[in-house]
Amino acid sequence: MGGTMPFNKLIAPLAIALSATCSAQADESAVVLGKSAYGTYCAVCHGQDAKGDGELAALFEVKPTNLTKLSQRSDGDFPFADVYEVIVLGKEAPGHGTSEMPVWGDYFMADALEDRGMHKSDAMFVAAGRALSLAYYLETIQE
């Protein structure tokens, strides 16, 4: 590993540190990037409106989450660190069933390493930034 921290070991502390961060503090460009990433990676399952009714939703045993209700299900506070962690590491938890959601942290990391030819330590930060932008965007669409 050449002295670099494994991606999954970087994510948990980063998610905790970011839990105090909110989209109001996010740069508008990060939210725009998150919206674009959502349309590319998430909408096919979660739907264009993020309500869990994407084109592939009917194929899953457990329906994709309505992502516009995350704050509502968390007593009115957007669960930023939890959302970020699920994007990056996936989720296996009671009520969620077996996760059919891709582990986007791995995908973003591979994309940065393979398609962009980055060094592993730089790729970790790019992948973390992409996940952050998605979390920032999801925070802006809460009902």
Protein backbone atom coordinates (compact mmCIF):
# COMPACT_ATOMS: atom_id res chain seq x y z
CA MET A 1 0.00 0.00 0.00
CA GLY A 2 2.96 2.29 -0.01
CA GLY A 3 2.13 3.95 3.30
CA THR A 4 -1.29 5.20 2.25
CA MET A 5 -4.32 4.67 4.42
CA PRO A 6 -6.87 2.22 2.96
CA PHE A 7 -9.91 4.04 1.60
CA ASN A 8 -12.40 2.48 4.03
CA LYS A 9 -10.24 3.51 7.00
CA LEU A 10 -10.20 7.11 5.72
CA ILE A 11 -13.96 7.29 5.32
CA ALA A 12 -15.25 6.72 8.86
CA PRO A 13 -13.17 9.46 10.51
CA LEU A 14 -13.90 11.78 7.59
CA ALA A 15 -17.64 11.15 7.89
CA ILE A 16 -17.55 11.91 11.61
CA ALA A 17 -15.60 15.10 11.03
CA LEU A 18 -18.05 16.16 8.35
CA SER A 19 -21.18 15.48 10.37
CA ALA A 20 -21.21 19.10 11.52
CA THR A 21 -20.95 20.29 7.92
CA CYS A 22 -24.13 21.17 6.05
CA SER A 23 -25.07 22.12 2.51
CA ALA A 24 -25.39 25.76 3.56
CA GLN A 25 -21.63 25.66 4.00
CA ALA A 26 -21.07 23.69 0.82
CA ASP A 27 -19.86 25.52 -2.20
CA GLU A 28 -22.66 25.81 -4.75
CA SER A 29 -20.46 24.05 -7.30
CA ALA A 30 -20.23 21.00 -4.98
CA VAL A 31 -24.03 20.79 -4.89
CA VAL A 32 -24.17 21.11 -8.69
CA LEU A 33 -21.59 18.31 -9.02
CA GLY A 34 -23.61 16.23 -6.57
CA LYS A 35 -26.79 16.74 -8.59
CA SER A 36 -24.97 15.65 -11.73
CA ALA A 37 -23.56 12.58 -10.00
CA TYR A 38 -27.01 11.77 -8.64
CA GLY A 39 -28.48 11.85 -12.15
CA THR A 40 -25.68 9.64 -13.45
CA TYR A 41 -25.41 7.06 -10.69
CA CYS A 42 -28.44 7.17 -8.41
CA ALA A 43 -31.55 8.17 -10.37
CA VAL A 44 -31.89 4.85 -12.18
CA CYS A 45 -32.80 3.23 -8.85
CA HIS A 46 -33.92 6.11 -6.62
CA GLY A 47 -35.72 8.04 -9.40
CA GLN A 48 -35.17 11.49 -10.88
CA ASP A 49 -37.18 12.93 -7.99
CA ALA A 50 -35.26 10.77 -5.44
CA LYS A 51 -38.46 9.19 -4.11
CA GLY A 52 -37.34 5.58 -4.65
CA ASP A 53 -39.18 5.01 -7.91
CA GLY A 54 -36.40 4.78 -10.48
CA GLU A 55 -36.54 2.66 -13.62
CA LEU A 56 -34.95 -0.31 -11.86
CA ALA A 57 -36.76 0.04 -8.51
CA ALA A 58 -39.30 -2.69 -9.30
CA LEU A 59 -36.50 -5.22 -9.77
CA PHE A 60 -35.34 -5.02 -6.15
CA GLU A 61 -36.63 -7.09 -3.27
CA VAL A 62 -36.19 -4.04 -1.02
CA LYS A 63 -37.42 -0.84 -2.66
CA PRO A 64 -34.79 1.92 -2.96
CA THR A 65 -35.02 4.55 -0.25
CA ASN A 66 -36.97 7.76 -0.70
CA LEU A 67 -34.00 10.08 -0.37
CA THR A 68 -36.15 13.19 0.11
CA LYS A 69 -37.28 11.96 3.55
CA LEU A 70 -33.89 11.34 5.18
CA SER A 71 -34.15 14.39 7.44
CA GLN A 72 -37.75 13.60 8.33
CA ARG A 73 -36.76 10.07 9.40
CA SER A 74 -33.94 11.55 11.48
CA ASP A 75 -36.02 13.89 13.66
CA GLY A 76 -35.67 16.80 11.24
CA ASP A 77 -31.87 16.79 11.06
CA PHE A 78 -30.16 15.62 7.91
CA PRO A 79 -27.99 12.62 8.90
CA PHE A 80 -25.01 13.86 6.92
CA ALA A 81 -22.37 11.49 8.29
CA ASP A 82 -24.66 8.46 7.89
CA VAL A 83 -25.58 9.41 4.31
CA TYR A 84 -21.94 9.96 3.41
CA GLU A 85 -20.95 6.63 4.94
CA VAL A 86 -23.68 4.74 3.06
CA ILE A 87 -22.61 6.32 -0.23
CA VAL A 88 -18.99 5.38 0.35
CA LEU A 89 -19.23 2.04 2.13
CA GLY A 90 -22.72 0.73 1.31
CA LYS A 91 -25.08 -0.50 3.98
CA GLU A 92 -26.18 -3.77 5.50
CA ALA A 93 -28.64 -3.10 8.28
CA PRO A 94 -31.95 -4.36 9.63
CA GLY A 95 -34.77 -2.90 7.59
CA HIS A 96 -32.50 -2.26 4.65
CA GLY A 97 -32.18 -5.89 3.63
CA THR A 98 -29.17 -7.07 1.75
CA SER A 99 -27.70 -4.10 0.03
CA GLU A 100 -28.02 -4.13 -3.72
CA MET A 101 -26.72 -0.58 -3.81
CA PRO A 102 -23.24 -0.36 -5.25
CA VAL A 103 -20.46 0.70 -2.94
CA TRP A 104 -19.85 4.03 -4.63
CA GLY A 105 -16.64 4.74 -2.72
CA ASP A 106 -15.02 1.75 -4.42
CA TYR A 107 -16.38 2.81 -7.80
CA PHE A 108 -15.23 6.43 -7.41
CA MET A 109 -11.83 5.22 -6.23
CA ALA A 110 -11.43 2.83 -9.18
CA ASP A 111 -12.55 5.54 -11.58
CA ALA A 112 -9.93 7.96 -10.27
CA LEU A 113 -7.20 5.30 -10.33
CA GLU A 114 -7.95 3.73 -13.70
CA ASP A 115 -9.60 6.38 -15.84
CA ARG A 116 -7.73 9.36 -14.50
CA GLY A 117 -4.40 7.69 -13.74
CA MET A 118 -4.08 9.21 -10.28
CA HIS A 119 -1.87 8.13 -7.43
CA LYS A 120 -3.81 6.15 -4.81
CA SER A 121 -3.60 8.85 -2.12
CA ASP A 122 -4.95 11.48 -4.53
CA ALA A 123 -7.65 9.12 -5.77
CA MET A 124 -8.92 8.64 -2.19
CA PHE A 125 -9.50 12.36 -1.87
CA VAL A 126 -11.20 12.58 -5.27
CA ALA A 127 -13.50 9.69 -4.34
CA ALA A 128 -14.27 11.29 -0.97
CA GLY A 129 -15.05 14.58 -2.71
CA ARG A 130 -17.45 12.92 -5.12
CA ALA A 131 -19.28 11.24 -2.23
CA LEU A 132 -19.37 14.55 -0.37
CA SER A 133 -20.93 16.34 -3.30
CA LEU A 134 -23.65 13.68 -3.46
CA ALA A 135 -24.37 14.05 0.26
CA TYR A 136 -24.49 17.85 -0.09
CA TYR A 137 -26.96 17.55 -2.96
CA LEU A 138 -29.16 15.08 -1.06
CA GLU A 139 -29.31 17.49 1.84
CA THR A 140 -30.70 20.20 -0.48
CA ILE A 141 -33.64 18.05 -1.65
CA GLN A 142 -35.08 17.19 1.76
CA GLU A 143 -38.83 17.72 2.18
